[in-house]
Amino acid sequence: MSKLHPAIKAEHADFLHKYAANVTKEELLDAFVNHLQSEHALTTTEINHLLSESKHQHETLLPINIFKTDELSALEAIVKYLKENKELTFHNIAVLLKRDDRTIWATYAKSRTKMIAHFHLMPSKHVIPAGLFAERKLSVLETIVHYLKHSIKLNLNEIAVLLNRDDRTIWTVWHRASKKEVPQ
């Protein structure tokens, strides 16, 4: 809220003060959504999108173009990016990805033998929350394809182009992920 005009800050503070006293979280959320719809003319879809964006701002995000390299596996690209570009420790990466510290260290060491230079990335239109890779039901590549297909709404050809992979590879990965019945 620090970027808001003082009058807007006061209006929102008044709104919260008026509705926050003696109500449940659900009632407060309903009042807030109704306020956004009536006073700011936002649709439910727009509100959901804003809430989703806000949630992702607090997450570690991975630019999609780190996966474009032929030299590294998807996990190697993630670990290398988090270590070198985000300057996370091996332990912090392991916690974020829910993997053993030694696995992260070994993955990073392997990535350094394949690609010595740091990532020098152009701005990326799409990002993937790193926390998605903590769920281990899908492989790393399956997780990427699943996220791009369901959350970003890309088709398989667009995903193949973004990841610099053959269309048939992406179809196979998508087919395997679909068989695992992951909730969307």
C-alpha atoms as a PDB file:
ATOM      1  CA  MET A   1       0.000   0.000   0.000  1.00  0.00           C
ATOM      2  CA  SER A   2       2.955   2.354   0.244  1.00  0.00           C
ATOM      3  CA  LYS A   3       2.576   3.304  -3.444  1.00  0.00           C
ATOM      4  CA  LEU A   4      -1.019   4.464  -2.944  1.00  0.00           C
ATOM      5  CA  HIS A   5      -2.184   8.044  -2.672  1.00  0.00           C
ATOM      6  CA  PRO A   6      -2.814   9.059   1.016  1.00  0.00           C
ATOM      7  CA  ALA A   7      -6.556   9.506   0.419  1.00  0.00           C
ATOM      8  CA  ILE A   8      -6.758   5.990  -1.010  1.00  0.00           C
ATOM      9  CA  LYS A   9      -4.816   4.622   1.976  1.00  0.00           C
ATOM     10  CA  ALA A  10      -7.295   6.260   4.355  1.00  0.00           C
ATOM     11  CA  GLU A  11     -10.276   4.887   2.405  1.00  0.00           C
ATOM     12  CA  HIS A  12      -8.914   1.320   2.532  1.00  0.00           C
ATOM     13  CA  ALA A  13      -7.950   1.645   6.204  1.00  0.00           C
ATOM     14  CA  ASP A  14     -11.500   2.839   6.943  1.00  0.00           C
ATOM     15  CA  PHE A  15     -12.893  -0.125   4.979  1.00  0.00           C
ATOM     16  CA  LEU A  16     -10.776  -2.595   6.939  1.00  0.00           C
ATOM     17  CA  HIS A  17     -11.595  -0.963  10.277  1.00  0.00           C
ATOM     18  CA  LYS A  18     -15.328  -1.010   9.516  1.00  0.00           C
ATOM     19  CA  TYR A  19     -15.420  -4.675   8.459  1.00  0.00           C
ATOM     20  CA  ALA A  20     -12.651  -6.317  10.460  1.00  0.00           C
ATOM     21  CA  ALA A  21     -14.221  -5.955  13.894  1.00  0.00           C
ATOM     22  CA  ASN A  22     -15.761  -9.211  15.132  1.00  0.00           C
ATOM     23  CA  VAL A  23     -16.011 -11.066  11.812  1.00  0.00           C
ATOM     24  CA  THR A  24     -14.597 -14.356  10.623  1.00  0.00           C
ATOM     25  CA  LYS A  25     -11.888 -14.541   7.973  1.00  0.00           C
ATOM     26  CA  GLU A  26     -14.444 -15.809   5.461  1.00  0.00           C
ATOM     27  CA  GLU A  27     -16.800 -12.895   6.172  1.00  0.00           C
ATOM     28  CA  LEU A  28     -13.923 -10.433   5.871  1.00  0.00           C
ATOM     29  CA  LEU A  29     -12.863 -11.957   2.558  1.00  0.00           C
ATOM     30  CA  ASP A  30     -16.451 -11.854   1.250  1.00  0.00           C
ATOM     31  CA  ALA A  31     -16.740  -8.187   2.267  1.00  0.00           C
ATOM     32  CA  PHE A  32     -13.423  -7.387   0.597  1.00  0.00           C
ATOM     33  CA  VAL A  33     -14.401  -9.139  -2.646  1.00  0.00           C
ATOM     34  CA  ASN A  34     -17.779  -7.360  -2.637  1.00  0.00           C
ATOM     35  CA  HIS A  35     -15.973  -4.055  -2.070  1.00  0.00           C
ATOM     36  CA  LEU A  36     -13.632  -4.693  -5.003  1.00  0.00           C
ATOM     37  CA  GLN A  37     -16.553  -5.630  -7.232  1.00  0.00           C
ATOM     38  CA  SER A  38     -18.838  -2.736  -6.308  1.00  0.00           C
ATOM     39  CA  GLU A  39     -16.377   0.104  -5.666  1.00  0.00           C
ATOM     40  CA  HIS A  40     -13.659  -0.810  -8.160  1.00  0.00           C
ATOM     41  CA  ALA A  41     -15.727  -2.639 -10.802  1.00  0.00           C
ATOM     42  CA  LEU A  42     -13.494  -5.716 -10.767  1.00  0.00           C
ATOM     43  CA  THR A  43     -14.789  -9.060 -11.958  1.00  0.00           C
ATOM     44  CA  THR A  44     -14.254 -12.266  -9.999  1.00  0.00           C
ATOM     45  CA  THR A  45     -11.722 -13.354 -12.634  1.00  0.00           C
ATOM     46  CA  GLU A  46      -9.777 -10.102 -12.243  1.00  0.00           C
ATOM     47  CA  ILE A  47      -9.790 -10.439  -8.449  1.00  0.00           C
ATOM     48  CA  ASN A  48      -8.554 -14.034  -8.651  1.00  0.00           C
ATOM     49  CA  HIS A  49      -5.819 -12.963 -11.065  1.00  0.00           C
ATOM     50  CA  LEU A  50      -4.708 -10.147  -8.730  1.00  0.00           C
ATOM     51  CA  LEU A  51      -4.644 -12.488  -5.741  1.00  0.00           C
ATOM     52  CA  SER A  52      -2.667 -15.039  -7.726  1.00  0.00           C
ATOM     53  CA  GLU A  53      -0.155 -12.391  -8.835  1.00  0.00           C
ATOM     54  CA  SER A  54       0.198 -11.158  -5.263  1.00  0.00           C
ATOM     55  CA  LYS A  55       0.895 -14.687  -4.051  1.00  0.00           C
ATOM     56  CA  HIS A  56       3.518 -15.205  -6.765  1.00  0.00           C
ATOM     57  CA  GLN A  57       5.304 -11.955  -5.870  1.00  0.00           C
ATOM     58  CA  HIS A  58       6.369 -13.592  -2.612  1.00  0.00           C
ATOM     59  CA  GLU A  59       7.613 -16.715  -4.328  1.00  0.00           C
ATOM     60  CA  THR A  60      10.902 -17.403  -6.024  1.00  0.00           C
ATOM     61  CA  LEU A  61      10.154 -17.250  -9.723  1.00  0.00           C
ATOM     62  CA  LEU A  62      12.110 -18.963 -12.484  1.00  0.00           C
ATOM     63  CA  PRO A  63      12.202 -17.385 -15.952  1.00  0.00           C
ATOM     64  CA  ILE A  64      11.111 -19.881 -18.576  1.00  0.00           C
ATOM     65  CA  ASN A  65      14.135 -19.210 -20.758  1.00  0.00           C
ATOM     66  CA  ILE A  66      16.500 -20.997 -18.327  1.00  0.00           C
ATOM     67  CA  PHE A  67      15.064 -24.231 -19.716  1.00  0.00           C
ATOM     68  CA  LYS A  68      15.928 -23.366 -23.310  1.00  0.00           C
ATOM     69  CA  THR A  69      19.501 -24.659 -23.081  1.00  0.00           C
ATOM     70  CA  ASP A  70      20.365 -28.021 -24.605  1.00  0.00           C
ATOM     71  CA  GLU A  71      23.279 -28.413 -22.228  1.00  0.00           C
ATOM     72  CA  LEU A  72      21.402 -28.819 -18.934  1.00  0.00           C
ATOM     73  CA  SER A  73      18.581 -30.947 -17.622  1.00  0.00           C
ATOM     74  CA  ALA A  74      15.607 -29.039 -16.223  1.00  0.00           C
ATOM     75  CA  LEU A  75      16.682 -29.650 -12.597  1.00  0.00           C
ATOM     76  CA  GLU A  76      20.258 -28.610 -13.374  1.00  0.00           C
ATOM     77  CA  ALA A  77      18.963 -25.387 -14.930  1.00  0.00           C
ATOM     78  CA  ILE A  78      16.832 -24.643 -11.869  1.00  0.00           C
ATOM     79  CA  VAL A  79      19.626 -25.287  -9.390  1.00  0.00           C
ATOM     80  CA  LYS A  80      22.203 -23.354 -11.438  1.00  0.00           C
ATOM     81  CA  TYR A  81      19.851 -20.367 -11.789  1.00  0.00           C
ATOM     82  CA  LEU A  82      18.942 -20.327  -8.083  1.00  0.00           C
ATOM     83  CA  LYS A  83      22.569 -20.660  -7.008  1.00  0.00           C
ATOM     84  CA  GLU A  84      24.208 -18.226  -9.419  1.00  0.00           C
ATOM     85  CA  ASN A  85      21.519 -15.726 -10.349  1.00  0.00           C
ATOM     86  CA  LYS A  86      19.442 -15.673  -7.161  1.00  0.00           C
ATOM     87  CA  GLU A  87      22.491 -16.350  -4.949  1.00  0.00           C
ATOM     88  CA  LEU A  88      20.694 -18.875  -2.738  1.00  0.00           C
ATOM     89  CA  THR A  89      22.672 -21.297  -0.616  1.00  0.00           C
ATOM     90  CA  PHE A  90      22.589 -25.021  -1.375  1.00  0.00           C
ATOM     91  CA  HIS A  91      20.555 -25.508   1.804  1.00  0.00           C
ATOM     92  CA  ASN A  92      17.990 -22.842   0.852  1.00  0.00           C
ATOM     93  CA  ILE A  93      17.618 -24.377  -2.601  1.00  0.00           C
ATOM     94  CA  ALA A  94      17.195 -27.819  -1.027  1.00  0.00           C
ATOM     95  CA  VAL A  95      14.488 -26.511   1.310  1.00  0.00           C
ATOM     96  CA  LEU A  96      12.698 -24.700  -1.537  1.00  0.00           C
ATOM     97  CA  LEU A  97      12.740 -27.768  -3.786  1.00  0.00           C
ATOM     98  CA  LYS A  98      12.284 -30.285  -0.913  1.00  0.00           C
ATOM     99  CA  ARG A  99      15.373 -32.218  -1.842  1.00  0.00           C
ATOM    100  CA  ASP A 100      18.454 -33.313   0.051  1.00  0.00           C
ATOM    101  CA  ASP A 101      21.299 -30.761   0.316  1.00  0.00           C
ATOM    102  CA  ARG A 102      23.709 -33.298  -1.186  1.00  0.00           C
ATOM    103  CA  THR A 103      21.453 -33.798  -4.201  1.00  0.00           C
ATOM    104  CA  ILE A 104      21.414 -30.050  -4.799  1.00  0.00           C
ATOM    105  CA  TRP A 105      25.191 -29.811  -4.430  1.00  0.00           C
ATOM    106  CA  ALA A 106      25.753 -32.723  -6.839  1.00  0.00           C
ATOM    107  CA  THR A 107      23.247 -31.320  -9.350  1.00  0.00           C
ATOM    108  CA  TYR A 108      24.969 -27.934  -9.246  1.00  0.00           C
ATOM    109  CA  ALA A 109      28.429 -29.508  -9.631  1.00  0.00           C
ATOM    110  CA  LYS A 110      27.196 -31.469 -12.650  1.00  0.00           C
ATOM    111  CA  SER A 111      25.653 -28.339 -14.182  1.00  0.00           C
ATOM    112  CA  ARG A 112      28.977 -26.488 -13.812  1.00  0.00           C
ATOM    113  CA  THR A 113      30.791 -29.178 -15.781  1.00  0.00           C
ATOM    114  CA  LYS A 114      28.229 -28.869 -18.589  1.00  0.00           C
ATOM    115  CA  MET A 115      27.878 -25.074 -18.590  1.00  0.00           C
ATOM    116  CA  ILE A 116      30.539 -22.946 -16.925  1.00  0.00           C
ATOM    117  CA  ALA A 117      29.073 -19.520 -17.732  1.00  0.00           C
ATOM    118  CA  HIS A 118      26.249 -17.994 -15.710  1.00  0.00           C
ATOM    119  CA  PHE A 119      22.852 -17.546 -17.294  1.00  0.00           C
ATOM    120  CA  HIS A 120      22.675 -14.251 -19.185  1.00  0.00           C
ATOM    121  CA  LEU A 121      18.972 -14.051 -19.788  1.00  0.00           C
ATOM    122  CA  MET A 122      16.794 -11.784 -21.819  1.00  0.00           C
ATOM    123  CA  PRO A 123      13.595 -10.742 -20.025  1.00  0.00           C
ATOM    124  CA  SER A 124      11.121 -13.610 -20.039  1.00  0.00           C
ATOM    125  CA  LYS A 125       7.403 -13.274 -20.660  1.00  0.00           C
ATOM    126  CA  HIS A 126       6.646 -16.348 -18.563  1.00  0.00           C
ATOM    127  CA  VAL A 127       7.872 -17.384 -15.128  1.00  0.00           C
ATOM    128  CA  ILE A 128       7.352 -20.519 -13.083  1.00  0.00           C
ATOM    129  CA  PRO A 129       7.155 -20.549  -9.267  1.00  0.00           C
ATOM    130  CA  ALA A 130      10.103 -22.577  -7.979  1.00  0.00           C
ATOM    131  CA  GLY A 131       7.929 -23.984  -5.215  1.00  0.00           C
ATOM    132  CA  LEU A 132       6.088 -26.124  -7.775  1.00  0.00           C
ATOM    133  CA  PHE A 133       9.116 -28.384  -7.970  1.00  0.00           C
ATOM    134  CA  ALA A 134       8.768 -29.316  -4.300  1.00  0.00           C
ATOM    135  CA  GLU A 135       5.838 -31.542  -5.285  1.00  0.00           C
ATOM    136  CA  ARG A 136       7.455 -34.720  -6.519  1.00  0.00           C
ATOM    137  CA  LYS A 137       4.477 -36.511  -8.093  1.00  0.00           C
ATOM    138  CA  LEU A 138       5.606 -35.318 -11.522  1.00  0.00           C
ATOM    139  CA  SER A 139       9.108 -35.157 -12.975  1.00  0.00           C
ATOM    140  CA  VAL A 140      10.653 -31.699 -13.312  1.00  0.00           C
ATOM    141  CA  LEU A 141       9.886 -31.487 -17.034  1.00  0.00           C
ATOM    142  CA  GLU A 142       6.355 -32.818 -16.485  1.00  0.00           C
ATOM    143  CA  THR A 143       5.815 -30.122 -13.853  1.00  0.00           C
ATOM    144  CA  ILE A 144       6.971 -27.407 -16.273  1.00  0.00           C
ATOM    145  CA  VAL A 145       4.752 -28.655 -19.100  1.00  0.00           C
ATOM    146  CA  HIS A 146       1.763 -29.132 -16.776  1.00  0.00           C
ATOM    147  CA  TYR A 147       2.134 -25.589 -15.381  1.00  0.00           C
ATOM    148  CA  LEU A 148       2.539 -23.987 -18.804  1.00  0.00           C
ATOM    149  CA  LYS A 149      -0.439 -25.919 -20.189  1.00  0.00           C
ATOM    150  CA  HIS A 150      -2.856 -25.380 -17.290  1.00  0.00           C
ATOM    151  CA  SER A 151      -1.822 -22.138 -15.625  1.00  0.00           C
ATOM    152  CA  ILE A 152      -0.424 -20.146 -18.544  1.00  0.00           C
ATOM    153  CA  LYS A 153      -2.801 -21.802 -21.052  1.00  0.00           C
ATOM    154  CA  LEU A 154      -0.193 -22.440 -23.736  1.00  0.00           C
ATOM    155  CA  ASN A 155      -0.631 -25.143 -26.349  1.00  0.00           C
ATOM    156  CA  LEU A 156       1.907 -27.947 -26.692  1.00  0.00           C
ATOM    157  CA  ASN A 157       3.604 -26.407 -29.731  1.00  0.00           C
ATOM    158  CA  GLU A 158       4.114 -23.089 -27.883  1.00  0.00           C
ATOM    159  CA  ILE A 159       5.566 -25.001 -24.942  1.00  0.00           C
ATOM    160  CA  ALA A 160       7.917 -26.906 -27.247  1.00  0.00           C
ATOM    161  CA  VAL A 161       9.170 -23.640 -28.754  1.00  0.00           C
ATOM    162  CA  LEU A 162       9.636 -22.026 -25.311  1.00  0.00           C
ATOM    163  CA  LEU A 163      11.586 -25.017 -23.998  1.00  0.00           C
ATOM    164  CA  ASN A 164      13.530 -25.601 -27.217  1.00  0.00           C
ATOM    165  CA  ARG A 165      12.254 -29.173 -27.373  1.00  0.00           C
ATOM    166  CA  ASP A 166      10.694 -31.258 -30.122  1.00  0.00           C
ATOM    167  CA  ASP A 167       6.881 -31.200 -30.263  1.00  0.00           C
ATOM    168  CA  ARG A 168       6.801 -34.979 -29.922  1.00  0.00           C
ATOM    169  CA  THR A 169       8.879 -34.822 -26.726  1.00  0.00           C
ATOM    170  CA  ILE A 170       6.501 -32.289 -25.190  1.00  0.00           C
ATOM    171  CA  TRP A 171       3.482 -34.371 -26.247  1.00  0.00           C
ATOM    172  CA  THR A 172       5.026 -37.448 -24.597  1.00  0.00           C
ATOM    173  CA  VAL A 173       5.823 -35.534 -21.401  1.00  0.00           C
ATOM    174  CA  TRP A 174       2.300 -34.070 -21.357  1.00  0.00           C
ATOM    175  CA  HIS A 175       0.764 -37.509 -21.941  1.00  0.00           C
ATOM    176  CA  ARG A 176       2.760 -39.031 -19.048  1.00  0.00           C
ATOM    177  CA  ALA A 177       1.822 -36.155 -16.728  1.00  0.00           C
ATOM    178  CA  SER A 178      -1.858 -36.515 -17.670  1.00  0.00           C
ATOM    179  CA  LYS A 179      -1.795 -40.211 -16.792  1.00  0.00           C
ATOM    180  CA  LYS A 180      -0.616 -39.349 -13.270  1.00  0.00           C
ATOM    181  CA  GLU A 181      -3.919 -37.510 -12.688  1.00  0.00           C
ATOM    182  CA  VAL A 182      -2.525 -34.377 -11.099  1.00  0.00           C
ATOM    183  CA  PRO A 183      -5.206 -31.974  -9.843  1.00  0.00           C
ATOM    184  CA  GLN A 184      -5.306 -28.707 -11.788  1.00  0.00           C
END
